[in-house]
Structure formats: C-alpha cells, structure tokens
Amino acid sequence: MTIALVELEEVEKTEFSLNRLQATVLPSNITSKKLLLKNQYEYEGFLKQYEIWEGRGFVDLEIYGKILVE
C-alpha cells in the first residue's frame, strides 16, 4: 500500500497540480492510520458524526492531510 500511496501522490502532484491530499479514516482502522503517518500525513482532527455510511448510520472519522508542494 505504501508504494500505491506514493505513486498516487506523484500523479496528483504532477498530472493534476494538486497541493494537498487528505484521507478520512474510521478511528478503529489502526492499519490505515499507521500507513498515513508513516507517509508523512498529519493527523488534523476528529470529525464527529461526519458521514452517513450504509448499514452504520452516522460515523465518526479522523482526518489526515499532506501538503504535496512546499
């Protein structure tokens, strides 16, 4: 997954000229949170009842972000 994430970042930066990427993750998804932190994404906060997920209703999410161009 790290390789895929790095490749995605490169495409977003070069092909689409994006400055920032972000990801929302369920608080219980430890594996995804570790992957994002390992790849220099920063924890930006807790989003209480942020989205409606089918079969779950409203769910809390954590948001991580990374600036691509500095």
N, C-alpha and C. Protein backbone atom coordinates (compact mmCIF):
# COMPACT_ATOMS: atom_id res chain seq x y z
N MET A 1 0.81 -1.20 0.00
CA MET A 1 0.00 0.00 0.00
C MET A 1 0.85 1.26 0.00
N THR A 2 2.01 1.20 0.62
CA THR A 2 2.88 2.38 0.63
C THR A 2 3.28 2.76 -0.79
N ILE A 3 3.62 1.79 -1.61
CA ILE A 3 4.01 2.07 -3.00
C ILE A 3 2.85 2.70 -3.75
N ALA A 4 1.66 2.17 -3.57
CA ALA A 4 0.48 2.73 -4.25
C ALA A 4 0.21 4.16 -3.79
N LEU A 5 0.37 4.43 -2.52
CA LEU A 5 0.14 5.76 -1.99
C LEU A 5 1.16 6.75 -2.55
N VAL A 6 2.42 6.36 -2.60
CA VAL A 6 3.46 7.23 -3.15
C VAL A 6 3.21 7.51 -4.63
N GLU A 7 2.82 6.50 -5.38
CA GLU A 7 2.53 6.68 -6.80
C GLU A 7 1.32 7.60 -7.00
N LEU A 8 0.30 7.43 -6.19
CA LEU A 8 -0.88 8.29 -6.24
C LEU A 8 -0.50 9.74 -5.98
N GLU A 9 0.32 9.96 -4.97
CA GLU A 9 0.76 11.32 -4.65
C GLU A 9 1.50 11.95 -5.82
N GLU A 10 2.36 11.20 -6.47
CA GLU A 10 3.13 11.72 -7.60
C GLU A 10 2.21 12.10 -8.76
N VAL A 11 1.24 11.26 -9.07
CA VAL A 11 0.29 11.55 -10.14
C VAL A 11 -0.53 12.79 -9.79
N GLU A 12 -1.01 12.86 -8.57
CA GLU A 12 -1.82 14.01 -8.15
C GLU A 12 -1.02 15.31 -8.24
N LYS A 13 0.26 15.23 -7.88
CA LYS A 13 1.11 16.42 -7.89
C LYS A 13 1.47 16.84 -9.32
N THR A 14 1.88 15.88 -10.15
CA THR A 14 2.38 16.23 -11.48
C THR A 14 1.28 16.36 -12.53
N GLU A 15 0.32 15.47 -12.53
CA GLU A 15 -0.73 15.47 -13.55
C GLU A 15 -1.85 16.47 -13.25
N PHE A 16 -2.18 16.61 -11.98
CA PHE A 16 -3.33 17.44 -11.60
C PHE A 16 -2.94 18.70 -10.84
N SER A 17 -1.67 18.86 -10.55
CA SER A 17 -1.15 20.04 -9.84
C SER A 17 -1.85 20.28 -8.51
N LEU A 18 -2.19 19.20 -7.83
CA LEU A 18 -2.81 19.36 -6.51
C LEU A 18 -1.75 19.72 -5.48
N ASN A 19 -2.15 20.51 -4.53
CA ASN A 19 -1.26 20.94 -3.47
C ASN A 19 -1.43 20.11 -2.21
N ARG A 20 -2.62 19.52 -2.03
CA ARG A 20 -2.94 18.86 -0.78
C ARG A 20 -3.73 17.59 -1.03
N LEU A 21 -3.44 16.56 -0.26
CA LEU A 21 -4.24 15.34 -0.23
C LEU A 21 -4.74 15.15 1.19
N GLN A 22 -5.91 14.54 1.31
CA GLN A 22 -6.42 14.23 2.64
C GLN A 22 -7.11 12.88 2.62
N ALA A 23 -7.19 12.28 3.79
CA ALA A 23 -7.86 10.99 3.93
C ALA A 23 -8.69 11.02 5.21
N THR A 24 -9.86 10.42 5.14
CA THR A 24 -10.67 10.23 6.35
C THR A 24 -10.68 8.75 6.67
N VAL A 25 -10.56 8.45 7.96
CA VAL A 25 -10.38 7.07 8.42
C VAL A 25 -11.25 6.83 9.65
N LEU A 26 -11.85 5.66 9.72
CA LEU A 26 -12.55 5.29 10.95
C LEU A 26 -11.54 5.23 12.09
N PRO A 27 -11.90 5.72 13.26
CA PRO A 27 -10.97 5.70 14.39
C PRO A 27 -10.45 4.30 14.72
N SER A 28 -11.20 3.28 14.43
CA SER A 28 -10.79 1.91 14.73
C SER A 28 -9.84 1.31 13.68
N ASN A 29 -9.62 2.01 12.57
CA ASN A 29 -8.80 1.48 11.48
C ASN A 29 -7.31 1.82 11.72
N ILE A 30 -6.72 1.09 12.62
CA ILE A 30 -5.33 1.33 13.04
C ILE A 30 -4.36 1.16 11.87
N THR A 31 -4.56 0.17 11.03
CA THR A 31 -3.64 -0.10 9.92
C THR A 31 -3.56 1.09 8.96
N SER A 32 -4.70 1.64 8.59
CA SER A 32 -4.70 2.79 7.68
C SER A 32 -4.07 4.02 8.32
N LYS A 33 -4.33 4.23 9.61
CA LYS A 33 -3.75 5.37 10.30
C LYS A 33 -2.23 5.25 10.36
N LYS A 34 -1.72 4.06 10.61
CA LYS A 34 -0.27 3.85 10.63
C LYS A 34 0.34 4.10 9.26
N LEU A 35 -0.33 3.65 8.20
CA LEU A 35 0.15 3.86 6.84
C LEU A 35 0.25 5.36 6.53
N LEU A 36 -0.78 6.11 6.87
CA LEU A 36 -0.77 7.54 6.59
C LEU A 36 0.33 8.25 7.38
N LEU A 37 0.47 7.94 8.65
CA LEU A 37 1.50 8.58 9.47
C LEU A 37 2.90 8.23 8.96
N LYS A 38 3.09 6.98 8.55
CA LYS A 38 4.38 6.54 8.02
C LYS A 38 4.76 7.33 6.76
N ASN A 39 3.75 7.79 6.01
CA ASN A 39 3.97 8.50 4.77
C ASN A 39 3.78 10.01 4.92
N GLN A 40 4.06 10.52 6.10
CA GLN A 40 4.10 11.95 6.40
C GLN A 40 2.75 12.66 6.32
N TYR A 41 1.66 11.94 6.46
CA TYR A 41 0.37 12.61 6.61
C TYR A 41 0.25 13.03 8.07
N GLU A 42 -0.37 14.16 8.30
CA GLU A 42 -0.52 14.66 9.66
C GLU A 42 -1.95 14.47 10.13
N TYR A 43 -2.09 14.04 11.38
CA TYR A 43 -3.41 13.96 11.99
C TYR A 43 -3.92 15.38 12.15
N GLU A 44 -5.12 15.65 11.62
CA GLU A 44 -5.66 17.01 11.67
C GLU A 44 -6.89 17.14 12.55
N GLY A 45 -7.49 16.04 12.91
CA GLY A 45 -8.63 16.18 13.81
C GLY A 45 -9.64 15.05 13.75
N PHE A 46 -10.61 15.19 14.62
CA PHE A 46 -11.69 14.22 14.80
C PHE A 46 -12.98 14.83 14.26
N LEU A 47 -13.66 14.11 13.39
CA LEU A 47 -14.89 14.60 12.78
C LEU A 47 -16.07 13.81 13.35
N LYS A 48 -16.76 14.39 14.29
CA LYS A 48 -17.85 13.70 14.98
C LYS A 48 -19.08 13.58 14.08
N GLN A 49 -19.56 12.35 13.93
CA GLN A 49 -20.73 12.02 13.11
C GLN A 49 -20.66 12.72 11.75
N TYR A 50 -19.54 12.54 11.06
CA TYR A 50 -19.22 13.29 9.85
C TYR A 50 -19.95 12.81 8.60
N GLU A 51 -20.12 11.50 8.47
CA GLU A 51 -20.74 10.95 7.27
C GLU A 51 -21.77 9.89 7.65
N ILE A 52 -22.67 9.65 6.72
CA ILE A 52 -23.60 8.53 6.87
C ILE A 52 -23.05 7.38 6.04
N TRP A 53 -22.82 6.26 6.68
CA TRP A 53 -22.36 5.05 5.99
C TRP A 53 -23.49 4.04 5.99
N GLU A 54 -23.74 3.47 4.83
CA GLU A 54 -24.81 2.49 4.70
C GLU A 54 -24.62 1.37 5.71
N GLY A 55 -25.65 1.06 6.43
CA GLY A 55 -25.60 -0.01 7.42
C GLY A 55 -25.03 0.41 8.76
N ARG A 56 -24.47 1.63 8.84
CA ARG A 56 -23.88 2.09 10.11
C ARG A 56 -24.51 3.38 10.61
N GLY A 57 -25.18 4.09 9.75
CA GLY A 57 -25.69 5.40 10.13
C GLY A 57 -24.55 6.40 10.16
N PHE A 58 -24.66 7.40 11.03
CA PHE A 58 -23.60 8.40 11.15
C PHE A 58 -22.37 7.78 11.80
N VAL A 59 -21.19 8.08 11.24
CA VAL A 59 -19.93 7.57 11.80
C VAL A 59 -18.97 8.72 12.09
N ASP A 60 -18.16 8.53 13.11
CA ASP A 60 -17.07 9.45 13.42
C ASP A 60 -15.88 9.07 12.53
N LEU A 61 -15.14 10.08 12.10
CA LEU A 61 -13.95 9.84 11.29
C LEU A 61 -12.80 10.69 11.80
N GLU A 62 -11.59 10.26 11.50
CA GLU A 62 -10.41 11.07 11.76
C GLU A 62 -9.90 11.54 10.40
N ILE A 63 -9.35 12.75 10.34
CA ILE A 63 -8.85 13.30 9.08
C ILE A 63 -7.33 13.48 9.16
N TYR A 64 -6.68 13.07 8.07
CA TYR A 64 -5.23 13.19 7.93
C TYR A 64 -4.97 13.96 6.64
N GLY A 65 -3.96 14.81 6.62
CA GLY A 65 -3.66 15.58 5.43
C GLY A 65 -2.16 15.67 5.16
N LYS A 66 -1.84 15.95 3.90
CA LYS A 66 -0.44 16.11 3.50
C LYS A 66 -0.35 17.17 2.43
N ILE A 67 0.56 18.12 2.62
CA ILE A 67 0.84 19.13 1.61
C ILE A 67 1.89 18.54 0.65
N LEU A 68 1.58 18.55 -0.64
CA LEU A 68 2.45 17.92 -1.63
C LEU A 68 3.53 18.87 -2.14
N VAL A 69 3.21 20.14 -2.27
CA VAL A 69 4.15 21.10 -2.82
C VAL A 69 4.51 22.12 -1.75
N GLU A 70 5.79 22.23 -1.46
CA GLU A 70 6.20 23.18 -0.43
C GLU A 70 7.17 24.18 -0.99
